[in-house]
């Protein structure tokens, strides 16, 4: 299959949407000779921070000489970005060849009266095949939405289960309380694995601790009060944590210090599971980690920032960073959201920091909220809002409105981050 044919196939089966449950992915993997059973995993779940923590861990392990597979969701720049080995996207040749195998197995299932596996299940199975083919030493595996019933949870017990910050999101599928959502995320914890968690709200922390104890798993939870000597910056940040002084990261955002601390805790635990990492490699990996769409600087004079904040907790952390880094600066938002998110809460948490808000409709998504509808909602609390027809027009208008000392910030969903970075002048990693 050509890359175009792969995308057409994925598009053709995407209508099934999200179907929680493991029956279909278990059968699909069985027909592919269970490639996941040949691999060792770090399984990562959580509401916010999965991608950043996975990026820190992947880069540090790569610096340490390990062949690292990485499965991410969602992608920012390129469809092939979802499946990576050694920091490189799956090749077009391997994507087409392995998708043919997966499609054949799916077609057999359908012909025998079973449901067509979802797009995410197909991609997950394909990832396992690729990581096995590349002989990855370790795979950093991000869940899609939940944990317990997520397709990635078809794996046996991982070496390490990592749970990032848990908050309210995807309530339609995961539950209406923090405890219910935490229970879904904690579903990746299995007998025999180590567990590392971010500092959580008490309701979530209790659920995670209870699950770990019930399965006899050792649990380490990041204590944010132990993060000390913090020096914030837009292009470099430093902190001390876990016996390491002067750790440095290149990702902006106040919340990235906490994500990096979780990655440090996870790497220490993984070292005890057979993947030791020299301190110099850990430091090198943290420092050179790049993760687009997370308070990313894509322009200066004026500053142009792109951030993927897309739920209540993400908006809260985003607002804290904006207020911290850009005190007394005139700020222009470019905001686009998905209609199944709690965008009213996002608006309430962020609107007060902006002088002008431009609304856009994120591209290529049936879930996207039209710009005019978002503008009507923003207008209830903010006087200066304009609906804009396209991302290109929004960037152009933002730059016309902004002086050299002002700040333009695009946020609201990760689904437009890659396009926005390209339009605003950033470059992608291949």
Protein backbone atom coordinates (compact mmCIF):
# COMPACT_ATOMS: atom_id res chain seq x y z
CA UNK A 1 0.00 0.00 0.00
CA UNK A 2 1.09 3.54 -0.74
CA UNK A 3 0.96 6.13 2.04
CA UNK A 4 -2.07 7.69 0.35
CA UNK A 5 -3.83 4.32 0.36
CA UNK A 6 -3.02 3.83 4.04
CA UNK A 7 -4.61 7.17 4.89
CA UNK A 8 -7.64 6.38 2.73
CA UNK A 9 -8.06 3.05 4.51
CA UNK A 10 -7.81 4.66 7.95
CA UNK A 11 -10.30 7.32 6.85
CA UNK A 12 -12.70 4.65 5.62
CA UNK A 13 -12.78 2.87 9.00
CA UNK A 14 -12.69 6.00 11.17
CA UNK A 15 -16.48 6.22 11.19
CA UNK A 16 -16.62 3.71 14.02
CA UNK A 17 -15.17 6.39 16.28
CA UNK A 18 -14.15 5.39 19.79
CA UNK A 19 -15.19 1.89 20.89
CA UNK A 20 -13.78 1.14 24.36
CA UNK A 21 -12.95 -2.51 25.02
CA UNK A 22 -10.17 -5.01 24.36
CA UNK A 23 -11.94 -7.87 22.56
CA UNK A 24 -11.29 -6.61 19.04
CA UNK A 25 -7.65 -5.61 19.56
CA UNK A 26 -6.94 -8.92 21.31
CA UNK A 27 -8.29 -10.86 18.34
CA UNK A 28 -6.45 -8.66 15.84
CA UNK A 29 -3.14 -9.09 17.66
CA UNK A 30 -3.72 -12.85 17.94
CA UNK A 31 -4.06 -13.08 14.17
CA UNK A 32 -0.81 -11.14 13.80
CA UNK A 33 1.02 -13.60 16.10
CA UNK A 34 0.85 -11.32 19.15
CA UNK A 35 3.81 -9.02 18.32
CA UNK A 36 3.31 -7.10 21.57
CA UNK A 37 4.45 -10.12 23.58
CA UNK A 38 7.96 -9.80 22.15
CA UNK A 39 8.34 -6.27 23.50
CA UNK A 40 9.03 -4.49 26.79
CA UNK A 41 6.91 -1.46 27.60
CA UNK A 42 6.64 1.70 29.60
CA UNK A 43 2.89 2.34 29.52
CA UNK A 44 1.86 5.98 29.96
CA UNK A 45 -1.65 7.17 30.84
CA UNK A 46 -3.08 10.43 32.18
CA UNK A 47 -5.13 13.46 31.17
CA UNK A 48 -2.38 16.01 30.51
CA UNK A 49 1.37 15.62 30.12
CA UNK A 50 1.55 12.16 28.50
CA UNK A 51 3.34 13.42 25.43
CA UNK A 52 5.84 15.58 27.28
CA UNK A 53 6.76 12.90 29.81
CA UNK A 54 7.08 10.32 27.03
CA UNK A 55 9.28 12.71 25.04
CA UNK A 56 11.63 13.28 27.98
CA UNK A 57 11.90 9.55 28.67
CA UNK A 58 12.38 8.59 25.03
CA UNK A 59 15.11 11.15 24.44
CA UNK A 60 17.00 10.23 27.62
CA UNK A 61 16.87 6.51 26.87
CA UNK A 62 17.98 7.18 23.29
CA UNK A 63 20.93 9.17 24.65
CA UNK A 64 21.71 6.17 26.85
CA UNK A 65 22.12 3.94 23.79
CA UNK A 66 18.80 2.12 23.87
CA UNK A 67 16.70 1.53 20.76
CA UNK A 68 13.46 3.19 21.79
CA UNK A 69 10.08 2.70 20.16
CA UNK A 70 7.48 5.36 20.75
CA UNK A 71 3.74 5.36 20.14
CA UNK A 72 2.04 8.75 20.51
CA UNK A 73 -1.44 10.23 20.28
CA UNK A 74 -2.38 12.65 18.84
CA UNK A 75 0.14 13.54 16.13
CA UNK A 76 1.15 17.10 15.34
CA UNK A 77 2.89 17.21 11.96
CA UNK A 78 2.65 13.95 10.07
CA UNK A 79 0.54 10.80 10.14
CA UNK A 80 3.70 8.67 10.45
CA UNK A 81 4.68 10.57 13.60
CA UNK A 82 2.44 8.26 15.66
CA UNK A 83 4.91 5.36 15.36
CA UNK A 84 8.62 6.06 15.88
CA UNK A 85 11.83 4.11 16.40
CA UNK A 86 15.07 5.77 17.43
CA UNK A 87 13.44 9.18 17.14
CA UNK A 88 12.50 8.64 13.48
CA UNK A 89 9.02 8.24 12.06
CA UNK A 90 8.01 4.88 10.62
CA UNK A 91 9.11 4.78 6.99
CA UNK A 92 6.55 5.05 4.23
CA UNK A 93 7.61 1.63 2.96
CA UNK A 94 7.15 -0.06 6.34
CA UNK A 95 3.86 1.76 6.92
CA UNK A 96 2.40 0.45 3.65
CA UNK A 97 3.80 -3.05 3.96
CA UNK A 98 2.68 -3.61 7.55
CA UNK A 99 -0.70 -2.00 6.99
CA UNK A 100 -1.36 -4.61 4.31
CA UNK A 101 -0.82 -7.31 6.94
CA UNK A 102 -3.09 -5.61 9.44
CA UNK A 103 -5.80 -4.94 6.84
CA UNK A 104 -5.76 -8.58 5.76
CA UNK A 105 -6.28 -9.68 9.37
CA UNK A 106 -9.10 -7.13 9.77
CA UNK A 107 -10.78 -8.27 6.55
CA UNK A 108 -10.67 -11.87 7.79
CA UNK A 109 -12.29 -10.82 11.06
CA UNK A 110 -15.07 -9.00 9.24
CA UNK A 111 -15.66 -11.92 6.87
CA UNK A 112 -16.13 -14.14 9.94
CA UNK A 113 -18.79 -11.83 11.35
CA UNK A 114 -16.65 -9.91 13.81
CA UNK A 115 -16.62 -6.10 14.04
CA UNK A 116 -14.15 -4.10 11.98
CA UNK A 117 -11.38 -2.96 14.37
CA UNK A 118 -11.28 0.79 14.92
CA UNK A 119 -8.66 3.03 13.34
CA UNK A 120 -6.86 3.33 16.68
CA UNK A 121 -6.83 -0.45 17.12
CA UNK A 122 -5.42 -0.89 13.61
CA UNK A 123 -2.70 1.69 14.25
CA UNK A 124 -1.83 0.18 17.62
CA UNK A 125 -1.42 -3.30 16.14
CA UNK A 126 0.67 -1.89 13.31
CA UNK A 127 2.88 -0.14 15.84
CA UNK A 128 3.53 -3.41 17.65
CA UNK A 129 4.55 -5.06 14.37
CA UNK A 130 6.96 -2.23 13.58
CA UNK A 131 8.54 -2.13 17.04
CA UNK A 132 9.11 -5.89 16.87
CA UNK A 133 10.62 -5.59 13.40
CA UNK A 134 12.98 -2.82 14.56
CA UNK A 135 14.01 -4.92 17.59
CA UNK A 136 13.27 -2.09 20.01
CA UNK A 137 14.80 -2.53 23.46
CA UNK A 138 11.95 -0.63 25.09
CA UNK A 139 8.69 0.94 23.85
CA UNK A 140 7.19 4.10 25.37
CA UNK A 141 3.50 3.43 24.77
CA UNK A 142 0.97 6.24 25.26
CA UNK A 143 -2.67 5.41 25.78
CA UNK A 144 -5.15 7.11 23.53
CA UNK A 145 -7.95 8.29 25.78
CA UNK A 146 -8.31 6.19 28.92
CA UNK A 147 -6.33 3.22 30.12
CA UNK A 148 -8.32 0.23 31.36
CA UNK A 149 -10.26 -0.23 28.10
CA UNK A 150 -7.79 1.53 25.81
CA UNK A 151 -6.53 -0.55 22.88
CA UNK A 152 -2.94 -0.17 24.09
CA UNK A 153 -3.89 -2.07 27.26
CA UNK A 154 -3.82 -5.29 25.25
CA UNK A 155 -0.20 -5.63 26.37
CA UNK A 156 0.78 -7.90 29.23
CA UNK A 157 2.22 -6.32 32.36
CA UNK A 158 4.57 -3.46 31.41
CA UNK A 159 7.90 -2.92 33.13
CA UNK A 160 6.62 0.44 34.26
CA UNK A 161 3.22 2.14 34.40
CA UNK A 162 3.43 5.94 34.38
CA UNK A 163 0.40 8.04 35.25
CA UNK A 164 0.59 11.74 34.49
CA UNK A 165 -1.74 14.42 35.87
CA UNK A 166 -5.34 13.18 36.04
CA UNK A 167 -8.20 15.65 35.63
CA UNK A 168 -11.66 15.96 34.08
CA UNK A 169 -11.79 15.16 30.37
CA UNK A 170 -13.59 12.68 28.05
CA UNK A 171 -16.33 12.33 30.68
CA UNK A 172 -18.68 10.73 28.15
CA UNK A 173 -16.40 7.68 28.05
CA UNK A 174 -14.39 7.74 31.27
CA UNK A 175 -16.83 8.83 33.98
CA UNK A 176 -18.17 11.97 35.61
CA UNK A 177 -16.01 12.06 38.73
CA UNK A 178 -12.28 12.32 39.23
CA UNK A 179 -12.31 8.94 40.98
CA UNK A 180 -13.98 7.27 37.99
CA UNK A 181 -11.55 8.83 35.53
CA UNK A 182 -8.55 7.92 37.72
CA UNK A 183 -9.79 4.32 37.84
CA UNK A 184 -9.73 4.20 34.04
CA UNK A 185 -6.21 5.66 33.88
CA UNK A 186 -5.00 3.32 36.65
CA UNK A 187 -6.23 0.39 34.58
CA UNK A 188 -2.80 0.20 32.96
CA UNK A 189 -1.37 -0.97 36.31
CA UNK A 190 -0.88 -4.74 36.22
CA UNK A 191 0.61 -7.33 38.55
CA UNK A 192 4.39 -7.25 38.54
CA UNK A 193 4.97 -3.74 37.20
CA UNK A 194 6.43 -0.69 38.88
CA UNK A 195 4.18 2.37 39.09
CA UNK A 196 5.20 6.02 39.00
CA UNK A 197 2.62 8.79 39.28
CA UNK A 198 2.60 12.55 39.08
CA UNK A 199 1.43 14.41 42.15
CA UNK A 200 -2.35 14.06 41.99
CA UNK A 201 -5.44 15.53 43.57
CA UNK A 202 -6.37 13.44 46.65
CA UNK A 203 -9.29 11.69 44.94
CA UNK A 204 -7.10 10.48 42.06
CA UNK A 205 -4.11 9.70 44.27
CA UNK A 206 -6.24 7.41 46.44
CA UNK A 207 -7.55 5.43 43.48
CA UNK A 208 -4.05 4.96 42.01
CA UNK A 209 -2.56 3.90 45.35
CA UNK A 210 -5.40 1.44 45.96
CA UNK A 211 -4.98 -0.18 42.53
CA UNK A 212 -1.21 -0.47 42.96
CA UNK A 213 -1.56 -1.99 46.43
CA UNK A 214 -4.23 -4.47 45.29
CA UNK A 215 -1.87 -5.79 42.60
CA UNK A 216 1.23 -5.77 44.80
CA UNK A 217 2.95 -3.07 42.76
CA UNK A 218 5.55 -0.67 44.13
CA UNK A 219 4.31 2.92 43.74
CA UNK A 220 6.38 6.11 43.61
CA UNK A 221 4.50 9.41 43.53
CA UNK A 222 6.18 12.69 42.66
CA UNK A 223 6.17 15.16 45.54
CA UNK A 224 6.12 18.57 43.89
CA UNK A 225 7.37 20.18 47.09
CA UNK A 226 10.68 18.40 46.46
CA UNK A 227 11.16 20.31 43.21
CA UNK A 228 13.52 23.08 44.29
CA UNK A 229 15.82 25.84 43.00
CA UNK A 230 13.53 26.44 40.03
CA UNK A 231 14.61 29.00 37.44
CA UNK A 232 11.89 29.54 34.87
CA UNK A 233 12.45 30.76 31.32
CA UNK A 234 10.92 30.65 27.86
CA UNK A 235 13.92 28.94 26.28
CA UNK A 236 15.65 27.27 29.23
CA UNK A 237 14.44 26.16 32.65
CA UNK A 238 16.42 24.70 35.54
CA UNK A 239 15.46 22.81 38.69
CA UNK A 240 16.60 20.28 41.27
CA UNK A 241 14.77 17.03 41.92
CA UNK A 242 15.34 13.45 43.09
CA UNK A 243 18.95 13.92 44.10
CA UNK A 244 19.85 15.73 40.88
CA UNK A 245 20.83 19.39 40.99
CA UNK A 246 20.77 21.83 38.08
CA UNK A 247 18.63 19.74 35.74
CA UNK A 248 17.84 21.70 32.58
CA UNK A 249 14.99 21.51 30.08
CA UNK A 250 14.36 23.46 26.89
CA UNK A 251 10.57 23.25 26.92
CA UNK A 252 8.66 26.31 28.13
CA UNK A 253 5.62 26.32 30.40
CA UNK A 254 5.61 26.27 34.20
CA UNK A 255 3.99 22.84 34.13
CA UNK A 256 6.94 21.36 32.22
CA UNK A 257 9.05 21.34 35.39
CA UNK A 258 6.54 18.92 36.94
CA UNK A 259 6.44 16.80 33.79
CA UNK A 260 10.24 16.60 33.78
CA UNK A 261 10.30 15.62 37.46
CA UNK A 262 7.88 12.77 36.69
CA UNK A 263 10.15 11.66 33.83
CA UNK A 264 13.14 11.67 36.20
CA UNK A 265 11.23 9.54 38.71
CA UNK A 266 10.15 7.17 35.95
CA UNK A 267 13.67 6.83 34.54
CA UNK A 268 15.02 6.04 38.00
CA UNK A 269 12.39 3.32 38.44
CA UNK A 270 13.10 1.95 34.96
CA UNK A 271 16.78 1.75 35.87
CA UNK A 272 15.83 -0.68 38.62
CA UNK A 273 13.93 -2.72 36.02
CA UNK A 274 16.98 -3.42 33.89
CA UNK A 275 17.40 -0.17 31.96
CA UNK A 276 20.06 1.80 33.85
CA UNK A 277 20.87 5.29 32.65
CA UNK A 278 24.01 7.26 33.43
CA UNK A 279 23.34 10.65 35.02
CA UNK A 280 25.02 12.50 32.15
CA UNK A 281 22.68 10.77 29.66
CA UNK A 282 19.62 11.62 31.74
CA UNK A 283 20.71 15.25 31.84
CA UNK A 284 21.46 15.29 28.13
CA UNK A 285 18.10 13.75 27.27
CA UNK A 286 16.09 16.22 29.33
CA UNK A 287 17.97 19.19 27.90
CA UNK A 288 17.61 18.29 24.25
CA UNK A 289 13.98 17.12 24.34
CA UNK A 290 11.81 18.94 21.82
CA UNK A 291 8.04 18.53 21.89
CA UNK A 292 6.05 20.68 19.51
CA UNK A 293 2.74 22.27 20.40
CA UNK A 294 3.43 22.55 24.12
CA UNK A 295 3.96 26.26 24.77
CA UNK A 296 6.19 26.24 21.69
CA UNK A 297 7.89 29.45 20.59
CA UNK A 298 7.53 29.71 16.81
CA UNK A 299 8.27 33.42 16.40
CA UNK A 300 9.75 36.45 18.15
CA UNK A 301 9.14 40.20 18.03
CA UNK A 302 6.31 39.64 18.55
CA UNK A 303 6.48 36.36 20.41
CA UNK A 304 4.25 33.74 18.78
CA UNK A 305 3.37 30.80 21.02
CA UNK A 306 1.46 27.62 20.12
CA UNK A 307 0.03 25.50 22.92
CA UNK A 308 -2.24 22.46 22.88
CA UNK A 309 -4.28 23.26 26.02
CA UNK A 310 -7.64 21.64 25.33
CA UNK A 311 -9.42 20.90 28.62
CA UNK A 312 -10.10 22.59 31.94
CA UNK A 313 -6.90 21.52 33.68
CA UNK A 314 -4.81 22.26 30.60
CA UNK A 315 -6.38 25.72 30.32
CA UNK A 316 -5.65 26.40 33.98
CA UNK A 317 -1.98 25.48 33.58
CA UNK A 318 -1.79 27.39 30.31
CA UNK A 319 -3.19 30.54 31.97
CA UNK A 320 -0.67 30.24 34.80
CA UNK A 321 2.19 30.15 32.29
CA UNK A 322 0.84 33.06 30.24
CA UNK A 323 0.43 35.20 33.33
CA UNK A 324 3.87 34.22 34.63
CA UNK A 325 5.91 34.70 31.46
CA UNK A 326 4.05 37.67 29.98
CA UNK A 327 3.08 39.90 32.89
CA UNK A 328 2.08 43.38 31.68
CA UNK A 329 2.28 42.29 28.03
CA UNK A 330 -0.50 42.89 25.52
CA UNK A 331 -1.75 39.46 24.47
CA UNK A 332 -3.68 38.37 21.39
CA UNK A 333 -5.25 34.92 21.33
CA UNK A 334 -5.97 32.72 18.34
CA UNK A 335 -8.39 30.19 19.76
CA UNK A 336 -9.89 27.07 18.21
CA UNK A 337 -11.67 24.26 20.04
CA UNK A 338 -13.47 20.98 19.56
CA UNK A 339 -17.19 21.04 20.25
CA UNK A 340 -17.10 18.02 22.58
CA UNK A 341 -14.74 19.79 25.00
CA UNK A 342 -15.75 21.98 27.94
CA UNK A 343 -14.73 25.11 26.08
CA UNK A 344 -16.91 27.35 28.25
CA UNK A 345 -14.65 26.53 31.19
CA UNK A 346 -11.56 27.07 29.05
CA UNK A 347 -12.83 30.51 28.06
CA UNK A 348 -13.60 31.40 31.67
CA UNK A 349 -10.08 30.46 32.77
CA UNK A 350 -8.19 32.25 29.99
CA UNK A 351 -10.13 35.21 28.56
CA UNK A 352 -9.07 37.75 31.19
CA UNK A 353 -5.44 37.68 30.05
CA UNK A 354 -6.15 38.63 26.43
CA UNK A 355 -6.61 42.07 24.87
CA UNK A 356 -8.01 40.61 21.63
CA UNK A 357 -9.33 37.13 20.81
CA UNK A 358 -9.50 35.71 17.29
CA UNK A 359 -11.53 32.51 16.91
CA UNK A 360 -10.93 29.88 14.23
CA UNK A 361 -12.35 26.51 13.30
CA UNK A 362 -9.70 23.76 13.63
CA UNK A 363 -9.22 22.10 10.24
CA UNK A 364 -10.02 18.56 9.16
CA UNK A 365 -12.17 17.55 12.09
CA UNK A 366 -15.87 16.75 12.32
CA UNK A 367 -15.54 17.59 16.01
CA UNK A 368 -14.38 21.17 15.35
CA UNK A 369 -16.52 24.02 16.68
CA UNK A 370 -17.19 26.69 14.02
CA UNK A 371 -15.34 29.97 14.60
CA UNK A 372 -18.55 32.00 14.75
CA UNK A 373 -20.08 29.78 17.45
CA UNK A 374 -16.91 30.03 19.53
CA UNK A 375 -16.88 33.81 19.04
CA UNK A 376 -20.47 34.04 20.31
CA UNK A 377 -19.48 32.16 23.45
CA UNK A 378 -16.37 34.30 24.00
CA UNK A 379 -18.41 37.50 23.46
CA UNK A 380 -20.42 36.71 26.60
CA UNK A 381 -17.34 37.52 28.70
CA UNK A 382 -14.93 39.43 26.44
CA UNK A 383 -15.63 42.57 24.36
CA UNK A 384 -12.93 42.17 21.71
CA UNK A 385 -13.54 38.97 19.76
CA UNK A 386 -13.50 38.32 16.01
CA UNK A 387 -14.34 35.12 14.11
CA UNK A 388 -11.78 34.43 11.37
CA UNK A 389 -12.21 32.23 8.30
CA UNK A 390 -8.90 30.33 8.30
CA UNK A 391 -5.72 29.67 10.28
CA UNK A 392 -3.72 31.62 7.69
CA UNK A 393 -5.97 34.65 8.05
CA UNK A 394 -5.81 34.39 11.84
CA UNK A 395 -1.99 34.41 11.84
CA UNK A 396 -1.92 37.36 9.43
CA UNK A 397 -4.49 39.30 11.45
CA UNK A 398 -2.73 38.52 14.71
CA UNK A 399 0.53 39.92 13.37
CA UNK A 400 -1.20 43.03 12.05
CA UNK A 401 -2.72 43.64 15.47
CA UNK A 402 0.45 42.93 17.43
CA UNK A 403 3.33 45.28 18.09
CA UNK A 404 6.89 43.98 18.42
CA UNK A 405 6.59 43.74 22.20
CA UNK A 406 3.17 42.07 22.19
CA UNK A 407 2.43 38.33 22.33
CA UNK A 408 0.31 36.14 20.03
CA UNK A 409 -0.80 32.80 21.45
CA UNK A 410 -2.65 30.09 19.53
CA UNK A 411 -4.32 27.44 21.69
CA UNK A 412 -7.43 25.37 22.33
CA UNK A 413 -6.67 22.02 20.67
CA UNK A 414 -3.69 19.99 19.55
CA UNK A 415 -5.51 19.25 16.29
CA UNK A 416 -4.36 22.51 14.68
CA UNK A 417 -0.96 22.86 16.37
CA UNK A 418 1.08 21.43 13.51
CA UNK A 419 -0.63 23.58 10.87
CA UNK A 420 -0.35 26.64 13.07
CA UNK A 421 3.37 26.08 13.67
CA UNK A 422 4.01 25.73 9.94
CA UNK A 423 1.98 28.81 9.06
CA UNK A 424 3.57 30.93 11.77
CA UNK A 425 7.06 30.04 10.63
CA UNK A 426 8.12 27.10 12.76
CA UNK A 427 9.77 24.02 11.32
CA UNK A 428 9.03 20.38 12.01
CA UNK A 429 11.30 17.56 13.01
CA UNK A 430 11.43 14.69 10.55
